[in-house]
Amino acid sequence: MSTRILNPIADPFTTDTPPGSPDLAGEIARLERQPWARKLAAHAPGLRCPHCDSIVYSRRHKLCGVCSRPLPDNFAFSVEEARRLEKILSNERMRHRSWLARTFNAPVTSPALA
């Protein structure tokens, strides 16, 4: 196992503020400049259950995950978004099947037979 020696002067991961400081805006700005930082989806305001005010984490479900009441229709994916998502998931399933086949020397089965 190797250990990385941090140089606070040349290390791009350090900031001017000490850890735990309340400079959250500066930290967010620093992360946005980093090419390796994960870009999150834009926040969609209003995606809270109208019944219990909990955050809606998935737009794929028709019911609230906390109170189990139906969510408004505009919270769900549109038909085009649902098709795109299903296509992505189908491609990922096929990639996983082919990886399993390569890894374990087994034939790739079609989704209809699986």
N, C-alpha and C. Protein backbone atom coordinates (compact mmCIF):
# COMPACT_ATOMS: atom_id res chain seq x y z
N MET A 1 0.84 -1.16 0.00
CA MET A 1 0.00 0.00 0.00
C MET A 1 0.89 1.24 0.00
N SER A 2 0.55 2.21 -0.81
CA SER A 2 1.35 3.41 -0.87
C SER A 2 0.62 4.55 -0.17
N THR A 3 1.38 5.49 0.31
CA THR A 3 0.82 6.63 1.00
C THR A 3 1.19 7.89 0.24
N ARG A 4 0.24 8.76 0.08
CA ARG A 4 0.49 10.02 -0.61
C ARG A 4 0.94 11.06 0.40
N ILE A 5 2.03 11.73 0.13
CA ILE A 5 2.52 12.78 1.01
C ILE A 5 1.94 14.09 0.50
N LEU A 6 1.21 14.76 1.36
CA LEU A 6 0.56 16.00 0.97
C LEU A 6 1.50 17.18 1.14
N ASN A 7 1.56 17.99 0.12
CA ASN A 7 2.32 19.23 0.17
C ASN A 7 1.30 20.36 0.15
N PRO A 8 1.08 21.06 1.26
CA PRO A 8 0.03 22.07 1.28
C PRO A 8 0.26 23.23 0.33
N ILE A 9 1.48 23.40 -0.14
CA ILE A 9 1.74 24.51 -1.06
C ILE A 9 1.42 24.10 -2.49
N ALA A 10 1.78 22.88 -2.90
CA ALA A 10 1.60 22.46 -4.28
C ALA A 10 0.40 21.55 -4.49
N ASP A 11 -0.27 21.14 -3.43
CA ASP A 11 -1.37 20.19 -3.55
C ASP A 11 -2.64 20.88 -4.04
N PRO A 12 -3.19 20.46 -5.20
CA PRO A 12 -4.40 21.11 -5.72
C PRO A 12 -5.65 20.78 -4.93
N PHE A 13 -5.57 19.81 -4.02
CA PHE A 13 -6.75 19.41 -3.26
C PHE A 13 -6.93 20.22 -1.99
N THR A 14 -5.96 21.03 -1.64
CA THR A 14 -6.08 21.82 -0.42
C THR A 14 -6.77 23.14 -0.72
N THR A 15 -7.30 23.75 0.31
CA THR A 15 -7.94 25.06 0.19
C THR A 15 -7.28 26.02 1.15
N ASP A 16 -7.60 27.27 1.01
CA ASP A 16 -7.05 28.28 1.92
C ASP A 16 -7.70 28.20 3.29
N THR A 17 -8.88 27.63 3.36
CA THR A 17 -9.60 27.57 4.62
C THR A 17 -9.35 26.22 5.29
N PRO A 18 -9.23 26.20 6.60
CA PRO A 18 -8.99 24.93 7.29
C PRO A 18 -10.21 24.04 7.22
N PRO A 19 -10.02 22.72 7.37
CA PRO A 19 -11.16 21.81 7.34
C PRO A 19 -12.18 22.16 8.41
N GLY A 20 -13.44 22.02 8.06
CA GLY A 20 -14.50 22.31 9.01
C GLY A 20 -14.90 23.77 9.06
N SER A 21 -14.28 24.61 8.22
CA SER A 21 -14.66 26.02 8.24
C SER A 21 -15.99 26.20 7.54
N PRO A 22 -16.72 27.26 7.84
CA PRO A 22 -18.06 27.44 7.27
C PRO A 22 -18.07 28.02 5.86
N ASP A 23 -16.93 28.04 5.15
CA ASP A 23 -16.88 28.62 3.81
C ASP A 23 -17.38 27.61 2.79
N LEU A 24 -18.67 27.29 2.84
CA LEU A 24 -19.25 26.30 1.95
C LEU A 24 -19.29 26.79 0.51
N ALA A 25 -19.59 28.05 0.29
CA ALA A 25 -19.65 28.59 -1.07
C ALA A 25 -18.29 28.50 -1.75
N GLY A 26 -17.23 28.79 -1.01
CA GLY A 26 -15.88 28.69 -1.56
C GLY A 26 -15.52 27.25 -1.90
N GLU A 27 -15.95 26.32 -1.05
CA GLU A 27 -15.68 24.91 -1.29
C GLU A 27 -16.42 24.41 -2.53
N ILE A 28 -17.66 24.82 -2.68
CA ILE A 28 -18.43 24.43 -3.86
C ILE A 28 -17.80 25.01 -5.12
N ALA A 29 -17.39 26.27 -5.07
CA ALA A 29 -16.74 26.89 -6.23
C ALA A 29 -15.45 26.17 -6.58
N ARG A 30 -14.68 25.77 -5.56
CA ARG A 30 -13.43 25.05 -5.80
C ARG A 30 -13.70 23.71 -6.46
N LEU A 31 -14.72 22.99 -5.99
CA LEU A 31 -15.04 21.70 -6.58
C LEU A 31 -15.54 21.83 -8.01
N GLU A 32 -16.27 22.90 -8.30
CA GLU A 32 -16.77 23.09 -9.67
C GLU A 32 -15.64 23.33 -10.65
N ARG A 33 -14.51 23.86 -10.18
CA ARG A 33 -13.36 24.09 -11.06
C ARG A 33 -12.56 22.82 -11.30
N GLN A 34 -12.74 21.81 -10.48
CA GLN A 34 -11.97 20.59 -10.60
C GLN A 34 -12.53 19.73 -11.73
N PRO A 35 -11.69 19.29 -12.68
CA PRO A 35 -12.20 18.46 -13.78
C PRO A 35 -12.63 17.07 -13.32
N TRP A 36 -12.11 16.60 -12.21
CA TRP A 36 -12.42 15.27 -11.73
C TRP A 36 -13.68 15.24 -10.89
N ALA A 37 -14.19 16.40 -10.52
CA ALA A 37 -15.37 16.44 -9.65
C ALA A 37 -16.60 15.94 -10.39
N ARG A 38 -17.42 15.20 -9.69
CA ARG A 38 -18.65 14.68 -10.29
C ARG A 38 -19.64 15.82 -10.46
N LYS A 39 -20.17 15.92 -11.65
CA LYS A 39 -21.17 16.94 -11.92
C LYS A 39 -22.54 16.36 -11.61
N LEU A 40 -23.21 16.94 -10.64
CA LEU A 40 -24.53 16.47 -10.27
C LEU A 40 -25.58 17.15 -11.12
N ALA A 41 -26.72 16.51 -11.22
CA ALA A 41 -27.83 17.09 -11.97
C ALA A 41 -28.30 18.35 -11.27
N ALA A 42 -28.86 19.24 -12.05
CA ALA A 42 -29.38 20.47 -11.48
C ALA A 42 -30.52 20.15 -10.52
N HIS A 43 -30.58 20.90 -9.47
CA HIS A 43 -31.63 20.69 -8.47
C HIS A 43 -32.98 21.05 -9.08
N ALA A 44 -33.92 20.17 -8.93
CA ALA A 44 -35.28 20.41 -9.43
C ALA A 44 -36.15 20.82 -8.25
N PRO A 45 -36.40 22.11 -8.09
CA PRO A 45 -37.18 22.54 -6.94
C PRO A 45 -38.62 22.06 -7.05
N GLY A 46 -39.24 21.85 -5.93
CA GLY A 46 -40.63 21.45 -5.92
C GLY A 46 -40.87 19.96 -5.95
N LEU A 47 -39.82 19.16 -5.95
CA LEU A 47 -40.02 17.71 -5.95
C LEU A 47 -40.12 17.21 -4.52
N ARG A 48 -41.18 17.63 -3.87
CA ARG A 48 -41.51 17.19 -2.52
C ARG A 48 -42.94 16.68 -2.53
N CYS A 49 -43.18 15.67 -1.75
CA CYS A 49 -44.51 15.11 -1.67
C CYS A 49 -45.48 16.19 -1.17
N PRO A 50 -46.58 16.41 -1.87
CA PRO A 50 -47.52 17.44 -1.42
C PRO A 50 -48.27 17.04 -0.15
N HIS A 51 -48.23 15.77 0.22
CA HIS A 51 -48.96 15.30 1.39
C HIS A 51 -48.11 15.35 2.66
N CYS A 52 -46.86 14.88 2.57
CA CYS A 52 -46.02 14.81 3.77
C CYS A 52 -44.77 15.69 3.69
N ASP A 53 -44.55 16.37 2.56
CA ASP A 53 -43.44 17.29 2.34
C ASP A 53 -42.07 16.61 2.37
N SER A 54 -42.00 15.30 2.15
CA SER A 54 -40.71 14.63 2.08
C SER A 54 -40.14 14.76 0.67
N ILE A 55 -38.82 14.64 0.56
CA ILE A 55 -38.15 14.76 -0.73
C ILE A 55 -38.48 13.55 -1.59
N VAL A 56 -38.78 13.80 -2.87
CA VAL A 56 -39.02 12.71 -3.82
C VAL A 56 -37.68 12.37 -4.44
N TYR A 57 -37.15 11.20 -4.11
CA TYR A 57 -35.82 10.81 -4.57
C TYR A 57 -35.85 10.15 -5.95
N SER A 58 -36.97 9.57 -6.33
CA SER A 58 -37.06 8.89 -7.60
C SER A 58 -38.32 9.30 -8.33
N ARG A 59 -38.16 9.69 -9.57
CA ARG A 59 -39.30 10.06 -10.39
C ARG A 59 -39.89 8.85 -11.10
N ARG A 60 -39.34 7.67 -10.87
CA ARG A 60 -39.85 6.46 -11.51
C ARG A 60 -41.07 5.89 -10.79
N HIS A 61 -41.25 6.25 -9.53
CA HIS A 61 -42.34 5.69 -8.74
C HIS A 61 -43.55 6.61 -8.75
N LYS A 62 -44.71 6.01 -8.64
CA LYS A 62 -45.95 6.78 -8.63
C LYS A 62 -46.41 7.11 -7.22
N LEU A 63 -45.82 6.46 -6.22
CA LEU A 63 -46.20 6.68 -4.83
C LEU A 63 -45.04 7.28 -4.05
N CYS A 64 -45.37 8.07 -3.04
CA CYS A 64 -44.37 8.63 -2.14
C CYS A 64 -43.73 7.49 -1.35
N GLY A 65 -42.43 7.55 -1.18
CA GLY A 65 -41.73 6.51 -0.43
C GLY A 65 -41.93 6.61 1.07
N VAL A 66 -42.47 7.72 1.56
CA VAL A 66 -42.66 7.89 3.00
C VAL A 66 -44.11 7.64 3.40
N CYS A 67 -45.05 8.35 2.74
CA CYS A 67 -46.45 8.23 3.15
C CYS A 67 -47.27 7.32 2.24
N SER A 68 -46.70 6.85 1.14
CA SER A 68 -47.34 5.92 0.19
C SER A 68 -48.56 6.49 -0.51
N ARG A 69 -48.69 7.79 -0.52
CA ARG A 69 -49.79 8.41 -1.25
C ARG A 69 -49.35 8.68 -2.68
N PRO A 70 -50.30 8.78 -3.62
CA PRO A 70 -49.93 9.02 -5.01
C PRO A 70 -49.29 10.40 -5.20
N LEU A 71 -48.26 10.42 -6.04
CA LEU A 71 -47.60 11.68 -6.38
C LEU A 71 -48.29 12.30 -7.59
N PRO A 72 -48.19 13.62 -7.77
CA PRO A 72 -48.78 14.25 -8.95
C PRO A 72 -48.18 13.69 -10.24
N ASP A 73 -48.97 13.70 -11.31
CA ASP A 73 -48.52 13.16 -12.60
C ASP A 73 -47.31 13.89 -13.15
N ASN A 74 -47.18 15.18 -12.87
CA ASN A 74 -46.05 15.94 -13.43
C ASN A 74 -44.72 15.60 -12.74
N PHE A 75 -44.74 14.82 -11.65
CA PHE A 75 -43.51 14.39 -11.01
C PHE A 75 -42.87 13.23 -11.76
N ALA A 76 -43.66 12.45 -12.46
CA ALA A 76 -43.15 11.26 -13.16
C ALA A 76 -42.38 11.67 -14.42
N PHE A 77 -41.58 10.74 -14.93
CA PHE A 77 -40.87 10.98 -16.18
C PHE A 77 -41.87 11.14 -17.32
N SER A 78 -41.51 11.96 -18.29
CA SER A 78 -42.33 12.05 -19.50
C SER A 78 -42.14 10.76 -20.29
N VAL A 79 -42.97 10.56 -21.31
CA VAL A 79 -42.88 9.33 -22.12
C VAL A 79 -41.50 9.24 -22.77
N GLU A 80 -41.00 10.36 -23.28
CA GLU A 80 -39.69 10.37 -23.93
C GLU A 80 -38.58 10.07 -22.92
N GLU A 81 -38.65 10.67 -21.74
CA GLU A 81 -37.64 10.40 -20.71
C GLU A 81 -37.68 8.94 -20.27
N ALA A 82 -38.88 8.39 -20.14
CA ALA A 82 -39.01 6.98 -19.74
C ALA A 82 -38.41 6.05 -20.79
N ARG A 83 -38.65 6.34 -22.06
CA ARG A 83 -38.06 5.51 -23.14
C ARG A 83 -36.54 5.60 -23.11
N ARG A 84 -36.03 6.80 -22.94
CA ARG A 84 -34.59 6.99 -22.91
C ARG A 84 -33.98 6.24 -21.73
N LEU A 85 -34.62 6.33 -20.57
CA LEU A 85 -34.13 5.63 -19.39
C LEU A 85 -34.18 4.12 -19.59
N GLU A 86 -35.25 3.61 -20.17
CA GLU A 86 -35.36 2.17 -20.41
C GLU A 86 -34.29 1.69 -21.39
N LYS A 87 -33.98 2.52 -22.39
CA LYS A 87 -32.93 2.16 -23.35
C LYS A 87 -31.57 2.10 -22.66
N ILE A 88 -31.30 3.07 -21.79
CA ILE A 88 -30.04 3.08 -21.05
C ILE A 88 -29.94 1.85 -20.15
N LEU A 89 -31.01 1.54 -19.43
CA LEU A 89 -31.00 0.37 -18.55
C LEU A 89 -30.85 -0.93 -19.33
N SER A 90 -31.50 -1.01 -20.49
CA SER A 90 -31.38 -2.20 -21.32
C SER A 90 -29.94 -2.39 -21.80
N ASN A 91 -29.31 -1.30 -22.23
CA ASN A 91 -27.91 -1.38 -22.66
C ASN A 91 -27.00 -1.80 -21.51
N GLU A 92 -27.25 -1.27 -20.31
CA GLU A 92 -26.43 -1.63 -19.16
C GLU A 92 -26.62 -3.10 -18.78
N ARG A 93 -27.85 -3.59 -18.88
CA ARG A 93 -28.09 -5.02 -18.59
C ARG A 93 -27.33 -5.90 -19.58
N MET A 94 -27.35 -5.52 -20.85
CA MET A 94 -26.65 -6.30 -21.87
C MET A 94 -25.14 -6.26 -21.65
N ARG A 95 -24.60 -5.10 -21.29
CA ARG A 95 -23.18 -4.99 -20.99
C ARG A 95 -22.82 -5.88 -19.80
N HIS A 96 -23.69 -5.90 -18.79
CA HIS A 96 -23.42 -6.72 -17.62
C HIS A 96 -23.45 -8.20 -17.98
N ARG A 97 -24.42 -8.61 -18.80
CA ARG A 97 -24.49 -10.01 -19.24
C ARG A 97 -23.24 -10.41 -20.00
N SER A 98 -22.77 -9.54 -20.90
CA SER A 98 -21.58 -9.89 -21.67
C SER A 98 -20.35 -9.92 -20.77
N TRP A 99 -20.29 -9.04 -19.77
CA TRP A 99 -19.18 -9.08 -18.82
C TRP A 99 -19.20 -10.39 -18.04
N LEU A 100 -20.39 -10.81 -17.58
CA LEU A 100 -20.49 -12.08 -16.87
C LEU A 100 -20.06 -13.24 -17.76
N ALA A 101 -20.46 -13.20 -19.03
CA ALA A 101 -20.10 -14.28 -19.95
C ALA A 101 -18.59 -14.33 -20.15
N ARG A 102 -17.95 -13.17 -20.30
CA ARG A 102 -16.50 -13.14 -20.46
C ARG A 102 -15.80 -13.59 -19.19
N THR A 103 -16.29 -13.17 -18.06
CA THR A 103 -15.65 -13.47 -16.79
C THR A 103 -15.76 -14.93 -16.42
N PHE A 104 -16.92 -15.52 -16.64
CA PHE A 104 -17.16 -16.90 -16.21
C PHE A 104 -17.23 -17.88 -17.38
N ASN A 105 -16.83 -17.46 -18.57
CA ASN A 105 -16.82 -18.31 -19.76
C ASN A 105 -18.16 -18.99 -19.99
N ALA A 106 -19.20 -18.23 -19.90
CA ALA A 106 -20.56 -18.75 -20.11
C ALA A 106 -21.16 -18.05 -21.32
N PRO A 107 -22.08 -18.72 -22.01
CA PRO A 107 -22.70 -18.07 -23.17
C PRO A 107 -23.62 -16.92 -22.73
N VAL A 108 -23.71 -15.92 -23.59
CA VAL A 108 -24.60 -14.79 -23.33
C VAL A 108 -26.02 -15.22 -23.65
N THR A 109 -26.91 -15.05 -22.70
CA THR A 109 -28.31 -15.40 -22.94
C THR A 109 -29.08 -14.17 -23.35
N SER A 110 -30.08 -14.38 -24.17
CA SER A 110 -30.90 -13.25 -24.60
C SER A 110 -31.84 -12.86 -23.46
N PRO A 111 -32.29 -11.60 -23.43
CA PRO A 111 -33.19 -11.17 -22.36
C PRO A 111 -34.48 -11.98 -22.31
N ALA A 112 -34.94 -12.51 -23.45
CA ALA A 112 -36.18 -13.28 -23.47
C ALA A 112 -36.01 -14.62 -22.76
N LEU A 113 -34.80 -15.18 -22.79
CA LEU A 113 -34.55 -16.47 -22.17
C LEU A 113 -34.14 -16.35 -20.71
N ALA A 114 -33.70 -15.17 -20.32
CA ALA A 114 -33.19 -15.00 -18.95
C ALA A 114 -34.30 -14.87 -17.94
